[in-house]
PDB file of N, CA and C in Angstrom:
ATOM      1  N   MET A   1     -14.233  17.066   9.880  1.00  0.00           N
ATOM      2  CA  MET A   1     -13.887  16.909  11.449  1.00  0.00           C
ATOM      3  C   MET A   1     -14.206  18.202  12.015  1.00  0.00           C
ATOM      4  N   ASP A   2     -15.563  17.735  13.469  1.00  0.00           N
ATOM      5  CA  ASP A   2     -15.766  19.379  13.829  1.00  0.00           C
ATOM      6  C   ASP A   2     -14.861  19.708  14.691  1.00  0.00           C
ATOM      7  N   ALA A   3     -15.171  20.345  15.355  1.00  0.00           N
ATOM      8  CA  ALA A   3     -14.599  21.484  16.677  1.00  0.00           C
ATOM      9  C   ALA A   3     -14.153  20.554  17.674  1.00  0.00           C
ATOM     10  N   SER A   4     -15.055  19.786  18.087  1.00  0.00           N
ATOM     11  CA  SER A   4     -14.825  18.665  19.736  1.00  0.00           C
ATOM     12  C   SER A   4     -14.565  17.499  19.200  1.00  0.00           C
ATOM     13  N   MET A   5     -14.035  16.724  17.783  1.00  0.00           N
ATOM     14  CA  MET A   5     -13.525  16.057  17.747  1.00  0.00           C
ATOM     15  C   MET A   5     -11.946  16.951  17.821  1.00  0.00           C
ATOM     16  N   LEU A   6     -11.565  18.168  17.066  1.00  0.00           N
ATOM     17  CA  LEU A   6     -10.003  18.478  16.796  1.00  0.00           C
ATOM     18  C   LEU A   6      -9.519  19.197  18.131  1.00  0.00           C
ATOM     19  N   LEU A   7     -10.812  19.323  19.004  1.00  0.00           N
ATOM     20  CA  LEU A   7     -10.233  19.386  20.551  1.00  0.00           C
ATOM     21  C   LEU A   7      -9.745  18.513  20.893  1.00  0.00           C
ATOM     22  N   MET A   8     -10.351  17.366  21.121  1.00  0.00           N
ATOM     23  CA  MET A   8      -9.962  16.184  21.792  1.00  0.00           C
ATOM     24  C   MET A   8      -8.557  15.670  21.119  1.00  0.00           C
ATOM     25  N   VAL A   9      -8.996  15.790  19.775  1.00  0.00           N
ATOM     26  CA  VAL A   9      -7.356  15.113  19.256  1.00  0.00           C
ATOM     27  C   VAL A   9      -6.293  15.911  19.719  1.00  0.00           C
ATOM     28  N   SER A  10      -6.591  17.207  19.797  1.00  0.00           N
ATOM     29  CA  SER A  10      -5.706  17.835  20.571  1.00  0.00           C
ATOM     30  C   SER A  10      -4.867  17.938  22.219  1.00  0.00           C
ATOM     31  N   LEU A  11      -6.127  17.395  22.425  1.00  0.00           N
ATOM     32  CA  LEU A  11      -6.207  17.301  23.852  1.00  0.00           C
ATOM     33  C   LEU A  11      -5.429  15.889  24.135  1.00  0.00           C
ATOM     34  N   LEU A  12      -5.636  14.879  22.977  1.00  0.00           N
ATOM     35  CA  LEU A  12      -4.602  13.536  23.563  1.00  0.00           C
ATOM     36  C   LEU A  12      -3.269  13.506  23.257  1.00  0.00           C
ATOM     37  N   CYS A  13      -3.285  14.644  21.949  1.00  0.00           N
ATOM     38  CA  CYS A  13      -1.639  14.811  21.501  1.00  0.00           C
ATOM     39  C   CYS A  13      -0.997  15.315  22.737  1.00  0.00           C
ATOM     40  N   CYS A  14      -1.373  16.435  23.461  1.00  0.00           N
ATOM     41  CA  CYS A  14      -1.017  17.101  24.599  1.00  0.00           C
ATOM     42  C   CYS A  14      -0.853  16.052  25.967  1.00  0.00           C
ATOM     43  N   ALA A  15      -1.756  14.816  26.186  1.00  0.00           N
ATOM     44  CA  ALA A  15      -1.375  14.478  27.636  1.00  0.00           C
ATOM     45  C   ALA A  15      -0.563  13.502  26.585  1.00  0.00           C
ATOM     46  N   ALA A  16       0.095  13.355  25.306  1.00  0.00           N
ATOM     47  CA  ALA A  16       1.149  12.358  25.153  1.00  0.00           C
ATOM     48  C   ALA A  16       2.422  12.781  25.374  1.00  0.00           C
ATOM     49  N   TRP A  17       2.163  14.064  25.120  1.00  0.00           N
ATOM     50  CA  TRP A  17       3.498  15.081  25.347  1.00  0.00           C
ATOM     51  C   TRP A  17       3.459  15.275  26.200  1.00  0.00           C
ATOM     52  N   HIS A  18       3.043  15.363  27.182  1.00  0.00           N
ATOM     53  CA  HIS A  18       3.450  15.644  29.108  1.00  0.00           C
ATOM     54  C   HIS A  18       3.862  14.243  29.559  1.00  0.00           C
ATOM     55  N   VAL A  19       2.971  12.995  29.521  1.00  0.00           N
ATOM     56  CA  VAL A  19       3.824  12.075  29.563  1.00  0.00           C
ATOM     57  C   VAL A  19       4.952  11.959  29.194  1.00  0.00           C
ATOM     58  N   THR A  20       5.229  12.026  27.679  1.00  0.00           N
ATOM     59  CA  THR A  20       6.938  12.298  27.123  1.00  0.00           C
ATOM     60  C   THR A  20       7.945  12.669  28.095  1.00  0.00           C
ATOM     61  N   ALA A  21       7.224  14.004  28.350  1.00  0.00           N
ATOM     62  CA  ALA A  21       8.222  15.124  28.716  1.00  0.00           C
ATOM     63  C   ALA A  21       8.356  15.095  30.349  1.00  0.00           C
ATOM     64  N   SER A  22       7.091  13.960  31.192  1.00  0.00           N
ATOM     65  CA  SER A  22       7.741  13.270  32.205  1.00  0.00           C
ATOM     66  C   SER A  22       8.681  12.305  32.268  1.00  0.00           C
ATOM     67  N   MET A  23       8.739  11.347  31.356  1.00  0.00           N
ATOM     68  CA  MET A  23       9.235  10.145  31.081  1.00  0.00           C
ATOM     69  C   MET A  23      10.734  10.765  31.409  1.00  0.00           C
ATOM     70  N   LEU A  24      10.878  11.660  30.280  1.00  0.00           N
ATOM     71  CA  LEU A  24      12.163  11.987  30.055  1.00  0.00           C
ATOM     72  C   LEU A  24      12.620  12.941  30.723  1.00  0.00           C
ATOM     73  N   ILE A  25      12.533  13.740  32.191  1.00  0.00           N
ATOM     74  CA  ILE A  25      12.358  13.957  33.015  1.00  0.00           C
ATOM     75  C   ILE A  25      13.308  12.867  33.966  1.00  0.00           C
ATOM     76  N   PHE A  26      12.595  11.729  33.892  1.00  0.00           N
ATOM     77  CA  PHE A  26      12.216  11.040  34.898  1.00  0.00           C
ATOM     78  C   PHE A  26      13.953  10.380  34.606  1.00  0.00           C
ATOM     79  N   ALA A  27      14.297  10.282  33.488  1.00  0.00           N
ATOM     80  CA  ALA A  27      15.530   9.390  32.717  1.00  0.00           C
ATOM     81  C   ALA A  27      16.543  10.248  33.250  1.00  0.00           C
ATOM     82  N   SER A  28      16.458  12.026  32.378  1.00  0.00           N
ATOM     83  CA  SER A  28      17.717  12.551  32.837  1.00  0.00           C
ATOM     84  C   SER A  28      18.041  12.695  34.433  1.00  0.00           C
ATOM     85  N   LEU A  29      16.933  12.815  35.421  1.00  0.00           N
ATOM     86  CA  LEU A  29      17.513  12.398  36.835  1.00  0.00           C
ATOM     87  C   LEU A  29      18.457  10.915  37.007  1.00  0.00           C
ATOM     88  N   GLN A  30      17.937   9.843  36.030  1.00  0.00           N
ATOM     89  CA  GLN A  30      18.543   8.635  37.220  1.00  0.00           C
ATOM     90  C   GLN A  30      20.194   8.978  35.357  1.00  0.00           C
ATOM     91  N   ARG A  31      20.042   9.833  35.197  1.00  0.00           N
ATOM     92  CA  ARG A  31      21.351  10.112  34.651  1.00  0.00           C
ATOM     93  C   ARG A  31      22.256  10.677  35.660  1.00  0.00           C
ATOM     94  N   ARG A  32      21.280  11.217  36.596  1.00  0.00           N
ATOM     95  CA  ARG A  32      22.666  12.340  37.121  1.00  0.00           C
ATOM     96  C   ARG A  32      22.543  11.739  38.422  1.00  0.00           C
ATOM     97  N   ASN A  33      22.144  10.508  38.461  1.00  0.00           N
ATOM     98  CA  ASN A  33      22.232   9.457  39.590  1.00  0.00           C
ATOM     99  C   ASN A  33      21.261  10.128  41.137  1.00  0.00           C
ATOM    100  N   GLU A  34      20.121  10.388  40.559  1.00  0.00           N
ATOM    101  CA  GLU A  34      19.590  11.156  41.405  1.00  0.00           C
ATOM    102  C   GLU A  34      18.433  10.285  41.671  1.00  0.00           C
ATOM    103  N   PRO A  35      18.194   9.781  43.356  1.00  0.00           N
ATOM    104  CA  PRO A  35      17.215   8.931  43.878  1.00  0.00           C
ATOM    105  C   PRO A  35      15.792   9.017  43.188  1.00  0.00           C
ATOM    106  N   VAL A  36      15.597   8.309  42.420  1.00  0.00           N
ATOM    107  CA  VAL A  36      13.775   7.896  41.562  1.00  0.00           C
ATOM    108  C   VAL A  36      13.250   6.347  41.712  1.00  0.00           C
ATOM    109  N   SER A  37      12.074   6.932  41.909  1.00  0.00           N
ATOM    110  CA  SER A  37      11.113   5.408  41.889  1.00  0.00           C
ATOM    111  C   SER A  37      10.459   5.628  40.652  1.00  0.00           C
ATOM    112  N   PHE A  38      10.313   4.726  40.469  1.00  0.00           N
ATOM    113  CA  PHE A  38       9.291   4.243  38.526  1.00  0.00           C
ATOM    114  C   PHE A  38       8.038   4.046  39.180  1.00  0.00           C
ATOM    115  N   LEU A  39       8.153   3.656  40.111  1.00  0.00           N
ATOM    116  CA  LEU A  39       6.451   2.929  40.778  1.00  0.00           C
ATOM    117  C   LEU A  39       6.001   4.515  41.538  1.00  0.00           C
ATOM    118  N   LEU A  40       6.538   5.020  41.857  1.00  0.00           N
ATOM    119  CA  LEU A  40       6.203   6.000  42.580  1.00  0.00           C
ATOM    120  C   LEU A  40       6.047   7.283  41.744  1.00  0.00           C
ATOM    121  N   LEU A  41       6.459   7.319  40.774  1.00  0.00           N
ATOM    122  CA  LEU A  41       6.462   8.675  39.533  1.00  0.00           C
ATOM    123  C   LEU A  41       4.938   9.475  39.503  1.00  0.00           C
ATOM    124  N   ARG A  42       4.323   9.018  39.372  1.00  0.00           N
ATOM    125  CA  ARG A  42       2.710   9.505  39.477  1.00  0.00           C
ATOM    126  C   ARG A  42       2.546  10.356  40.475  1.00  0.00           C
ATOM    127  N   PHE A  43       3.267  10.172  42.055  1.00  0.00           N
ATOM    128  CA  PHE A  43       3.272  10.962  43.589  1.00  0.00           C
ATOM    129  C   PHE A  43       4.274  11.905  43.189  1.00  0.00           C
ATOM    130  N   TYR A  44       5.028  11.626  42.663  1.00  0.00           N
ATOM    131  CA  TYR A  44       6.250  12.219  43.245  1.00  0.00           C
ATOM    132  C   TYR A  44       6.272  13.403  41.810  1.00  0.00           C
ATOM    133  N   ILE A  45       6.095  12.871  40.714  1.00  0.00           N
ATOM    134  CA  ILE A  45       6.258  13.537  39.890  1.00  0.00           C
ATOM    135  C   ILE A  45       6.846  15.254  39.787  1.00  0.00           C
ATOM    136  N   LEU A  46       5.507  16.176  40.681  1.00  0.00           N
ATOM    137  CA  LEU A  46       6.118  17.711  40.739  1.00  0.00           C
ATOM    138  C   LEU A  46       7.454  17.420  41.930  1.00  0.00           C
ATOM    139  N   ARG A  47       7.646  16.904  42.467  1.00  0.00           N
ATOM    140  CA  ARG A  47       9.242  17.009  43.490  1.00  0.00           C
ATOM    141  C   ARG A  47      10.423  16.601  42.316  1.00  0.00           C
ATOM    142  N   TYR A  48       9.800  15.829  41.180  1.00  0.00           N
ATOM    143  CA  TYR A  48      11.277  15.368  40.203  1.00  0.00           C
ATOM    144  C   TYR A  48      11.324  16.794  39.528  1.00  0.00           C
ATOM    145  N   VAL A  49      10.209  17.144  38.406  1.00  0.00           N
ATOM    146  CA  VAL A  49      10.200  18.262  37.901  1.00  0.00           C
ATOM    147  C   VAL A  49      10.599  20.018  39.007  1.00  0.00           C
ATOM    148  N   SER A  50      10.695  19.601  39.694  1.00  0.00           N
ATOM    149  CA  SER A  50      11.697  21.280  40.691  1.00  0.00           C
ATOM    150  C   SER A  50      13.070  20.538  41.005  1.00  0.00           C
ATOM    151  N   ARG A  51      13.493  19.191  41.091  1.00  0.00           N
ATOM    152  CA  ARG A  51      14.390  18.515  41.191  1.00  0.00           C
ATOM    153  C   ARG A  51      15.127  18.987  39.986  1.00  0.00           C
ATOM    154  N   TYR A  52      14.463  18.383  38.969  1.00  0.00           N
ATOM    155  CA  TYR A  52      15.051  18.937  37.522  1.00  0.00           C
ATOM    156  C   TYR A  52      15.429  20.256  36.823  1.00  0.00           C
ATOM    157  N   ALA A  53      14.289  20.901  37.764  1.00  0.00           N
ATOM    158  CA  ALA A  53      15.006  22.657  37.404  1.00  0.00           C
ATOM    159  C   ALA A  53      15.961  23.328  37.733  1.00  0.00           C
ATOM    160  N   GLU A  54      16.097  22.218  39.749  1.00  0.00           N
ATOM    161  CA  GLU A  54      17.219  23.116  40.290  1.00  0.00           C
ATOM    162  C   GLU A  54      18.726  22.834  39.643  1.00  0.00           C
ATOM    163  N   LEU A  55      19.016  21.108  39.282  1.00  0.00           N
ATOM    164  CA  LEU A  55      19.901  20.271  38.870  1.00  0.00           C
ATOM    165  C   LEU A  55      20.438  21.408  37.648  1.00  0.00           C
ATOM    166  N   THR A  56      19.159  21.355  36.696  1.00  0.00           N
ATOM    167  CA  THR A  56      19.797  21.857  35.561  1.00  0.00           C
ATOM    168  C   THR A  56      20.310  23.513  35.690  1.00  0.00           C
ATOM    169  N   SER A  57      19.474  24.146  36.528  1.00  0.00           N
ATOM    170  CA  SER A  57      19.941  25.758  36.798  1.00  0.00           C
ATOM    171  C   SER A  57      21.556  25.361  37.032  1.00  0.00           C
ATOM    172  N   GLU A  58      22.000  24.547  38.003  1.00  0.00           N
ATOM    173  CA  GLU A  58      23.008  24.951  39.105  1.00  0.00           C
ATOM    174  C   GLU A  58      24.089  24.336  37.746  1.00  0.00           C
ATOM    175  N   GLU A  59      23.875  23.402  36.523  1.00  0.00           N
ATOM    176  CA  GLU A  59      24.555  23.062  35.822  1.00  0.00           C
ATOM    177  C   GLU A  59      24.804  23.782  34.744  1.00  0.00           C
ATOM    178  N   THR A  60      23.814  24.854  34.251  1.00  0.00           N
ATOM    179  CA  THR A  60      24.010  25.379  33.004  1.00  0.00           C
ATOM    180  C   THR A  60      23.587  27.369  33.168  1.00  0.00           C
ATOM    181  N   GLY A  61      23.430  27.340  34.566  1.00  0.00           N
ATOM    182  CA  GLY A  61      22.380  28.716  34.236  1.00  0.00           C
ATOM    183  C   GLY A  61      21.196  28.859  34.113  1.00  0.00           C
ATOM    184  N   ARG A  62      20.597  27.624  33.779  1.00  0.00           N
ATOM    185  CA  ARG A  62      19.270  28.109  32.981  1.00  0.00           C
ATOM    186  C   ARG A  62      18.452  26.458  33.361  1.00  0.00           C
ATOM    187  N   VAL A  63      17.401  26.879  32.818  1.00  0.00           N
ATOM    188  CA  VAL A  63      16.586  25.698  34.189  1.00  0.00           C
ATOM    189  C   VAL A  63      15.947  24.817  32.512  1.00  0.00           C
ATOM    190  N   GLY A  64      16.633  23.354  32.901  1.00  0.00           N
ATOM    191  CA  GLY A  64      16.494  22.907  31.072  1.00  0.00           C
ATOM    192  C   GLY A  64      15.238  22.970  30.667  1.00  0.00           C
ATOM    193  N   PRO A  65      15.215  22.604  29.136  1.00  0.00           N
ATOM    194  CA  PRO A  65      13.846  22.693  27.919  1.00  0.00           C
ATOM    195  C   PRO A  65      13.261  21.783  28.530  1.00  0.00           C
ATOM    196  N   LEU A  66      13.000  20.342  29.319  1.00  0.00           N
ATOM    197  CA  LEU A  66      12.237  19.650  29.809  1.00  0.00           C
ATOM    198  C   LEU A  66      11.305  20.120  30.913  1.00  0.00           C
ATOM    199  N   PHE A  67      11.937  21.134  31.388  1.00  0.00           N
ATOM    200  CA  PHE A  67      10.675  21.490  31.947  1.00  0.00           C
ATOM    201  C   PHE A  67       9.737  22.628  31.661  1.00  0.00           C
ATOM    202  N   TYR A  68      10.118  23.298  30.757  1.00  0.00           N
ATOM    203  CA  TYR A  68       9.060  23.855  30.099  1.00  0.00           C
ATOM    204  C   TYR A  68       8.097  23.207  29.118  1.00  0.00           C
ATOM    205  N   HIS A  69       8.488  22.103  28.752  1.00  0.00           N
ATOM    206  CA  HIS A  69       7.719  21.164  27.723  1.00  0.00           C
ATOM    207  C   HIS A  69       6.614  20.517  29.246  1.00  0.00           C
ATOM    208  N   TYR A  70       7.028  20.292  30.045  1.00  0.00           N
ATOM    209  CA  TYR A  70       6.055  19.256  30.843  1.00  0.00           C
ATOM    210  C   TYR A  70       5.293  20.702  31.438  1.00  0.00           C
ATOM    211  N   ILE A  71       5.098  21.974  31.213  1.00  0.00           N
ATOM    212  CA  ILE A  71       4.668  23.109  31.971  1.00  0.00           C
ATOM    213  C   ILE A  71       3.864  23.615  30.898  1.00  0.00           C
ATOM    214  N   ILE A  72       4.485  23.048  29.382  1.00  0.00           N
ATOM    215  CA  ILE A  72       3.362  24.434  28.643  1.00  0.00           C
ATOM    216  C   ILE A  72       2.842  22.833  28.637  1.00  0.00           C
ATOM    217  N   SER A  73       3.124  21.928  28.356  1.00  0.00           N
ATOM    218  CA  SER A  73       2.185  20.620  27.640  1.00  0.00           C
ATOM    219  C   SER A  73       0.740  20.460  28.982  1.00  0.00           C
ATOM    220  N   ILE A  74       0.878  20.876  29.860  1.00  0.00           N
ATOM    221  CA  ILE A  74       0.080  20.098  31.156  1.00  0.00           C
ATOM    222  C   ILE A  74      -0.914  21.328  31.355  1.00  0.00           C
ATOM    223  N   ASN A  75      -0.773  22.619  30.863  1.00  0.00           N
ATOM    224  CA  ASN A  75      -1.131  23.796  30.538  1.00  0.00           C
ATOM    225  C   ASN A  75      -2.402  23.845  29.445  1.00  0.00           C
ATOM    226  N   LEU A  76      -1.350  23.749  28.109  1.00  0.00           N
ATOM    227  CA  LEU A  76      -2.351  22.956  27.016  1.00  0.00           C
ATOM    228  C   LEU A  76      -2.956  22.195  27.134  1.00  0.00           C
ATOM    229  N   ALA A  77      -3.047  21.178  27.981  1.00  0.00           N
ATOM    230  CA  ALA A  77      -4.409  20.158  27.797  1.00  0.00           C
ATOM    231  C   ALA A  77      -5.296  20.751  28.519  1.00  0.00           C
ATOM    232  N   ALA A  78      -4.799  21.713  29.790  1.00  0.00           N
ATOM    233  CA  ALA A  78      -5.997  21.974  30.369  1.00  0.00           C
ATOM    234  C   ALA A  78      -6.992  23.174  29.731  1.00  0.00           C
ATOM    235  N   LEU A  79      -6.612  23.991  28.908  1.00  0.00           N
ATOM    236  CA  LEU A  79      -6.822  24.408  28.686  1.00  0.00           C
ATOM    237  C   LEU A  79      -8.225  24.031  27.203  1.00  0.00           C
ATOM    238  N   LEU A  80      -7.403  23.050  26.462  1.00  0.00           N
ATOM    239  CA  LEU A  80      -7.965  22.203  25.826  1.00  0.00           C
ATOM    240  C   LEU A  80      -9.443  21.060  26.135  1.00  0.00           C
ATOM    241  N   ALA A  81      -9.186  21.136  27.678  1.00  0.00           N
ATOM    242  CA  ALA A  81     -10.363  20.256  28.077  1.00  0.00           C
ATOM    243  C   ALA A  81     -10.985  21.431  28.725  1.00  0.00           C
ATOM    244  N   GLY A  82     -11.354  22.532  28.909  1.00  0.00           N
ATOM    245  CA  GLY A  82     -11.928  23.281  28.987  1.00  0.00           C
ATOM    246  C   GLY A  82     -12.585  23.944  28.010  1.00  0.00           C
ATOM    247  N   ALA A  83     -11.414  23.932  26.763  1.00  0.00           N
ATOM    248  CA  ALA A  83     -12.905  24.449  25.916  1.00  0.00           C
ATOM    249  C   ALA A  83     -13.998  23.289  25.311  1.00  0.00           C
ATOM    250  N   LEU A  84     -13.295  22.278  25.206  1.00  0.00           N
ATOM    251  CA  LEU A  84     -13.882  21.002  25.249  1.00  0.00           C
ATOM    252  C   LEU A  84     -15.099  21.334  25.648  1.00  0.00           C
ATOM    253  N   VAL A  85     -14.675  21.169  27.824  1.00  0.00           N
ATOM    254  CA  VAL A  85     -16.457  21.296  27.982  1.00  0.00           C
ATOM    255  C   VAL A  85     -17.409  22.317  28.334  1.00  0.00           C
ATOM    256  N   LEU A  86     -16.580  23.390  27.479  1.00  0.00           N
ATOM    257  CA  LEU A  86     -17.615  24.364  27.256  1.00  0.00           C
ATOM    258  C   LEU A  86     -18.404  24.077  25.548  1.00  0.00           C
ATOM    259  N   ILE A  87     -17.781  24.083  24.774  1.00  0.00           N
ATOM    260  CA  ILE A  87     -18.410  23.313  23.678  1.00  0.00           C
ATOM    261  C   ILE A  87     -19.254  22.248  23.804  1.00  0.00           C
ATOM    262  N   HIS A  88     -19.553  21.705  25.234  1.00  0.00           N
ATOM    263  CA  HIS A  88     -20.399  20.609  25.021  1.00  0.00           C
ATOM    264  C   HIS A  88     -21.622  21.506  25.680  1.00  0.00           C
ATOM    265  N   LEU A  89     -21.105  22.489  26.294  1.00  0.00           N
ATOM    266  CA  LEU A  89     -22.592  22.518  27.217  1.00  0.00           C
ATOM    267  C   LEU A  89     -23.022  24.035  26.383  1.00  0.00           C
ATOM    268  N   LEU A  90     -22.539  24.413  25.806  1.00  0.00           N
ATOM    269  CA  LEU A  90     -23.316  25.078  24.526  1.00  0.00           C
ATOM    270  C   LEU A  90     -24.131  24.284  23.685  1.00  0.00           C
TER     271      LEU A  90
END
């Protein structure tokens, strides 16, 4: 397996991780009776993530783990996408 294929598979895994974290945050907000819309999830996800961070911080004194899963997965996906572009440019 060459480097670009490895980066592509890693990028897809990070994207799946990100989508999963987003859906779990959505479900967590629903369990807390927060008003959320599945149809508008793509547009309001940043608002939902910040609300999740606020709620979990109020409840436990710490931000919930899904917040970090969301942040790490999207940043790692961005880094891998950048590396993939660089490999194809070189």
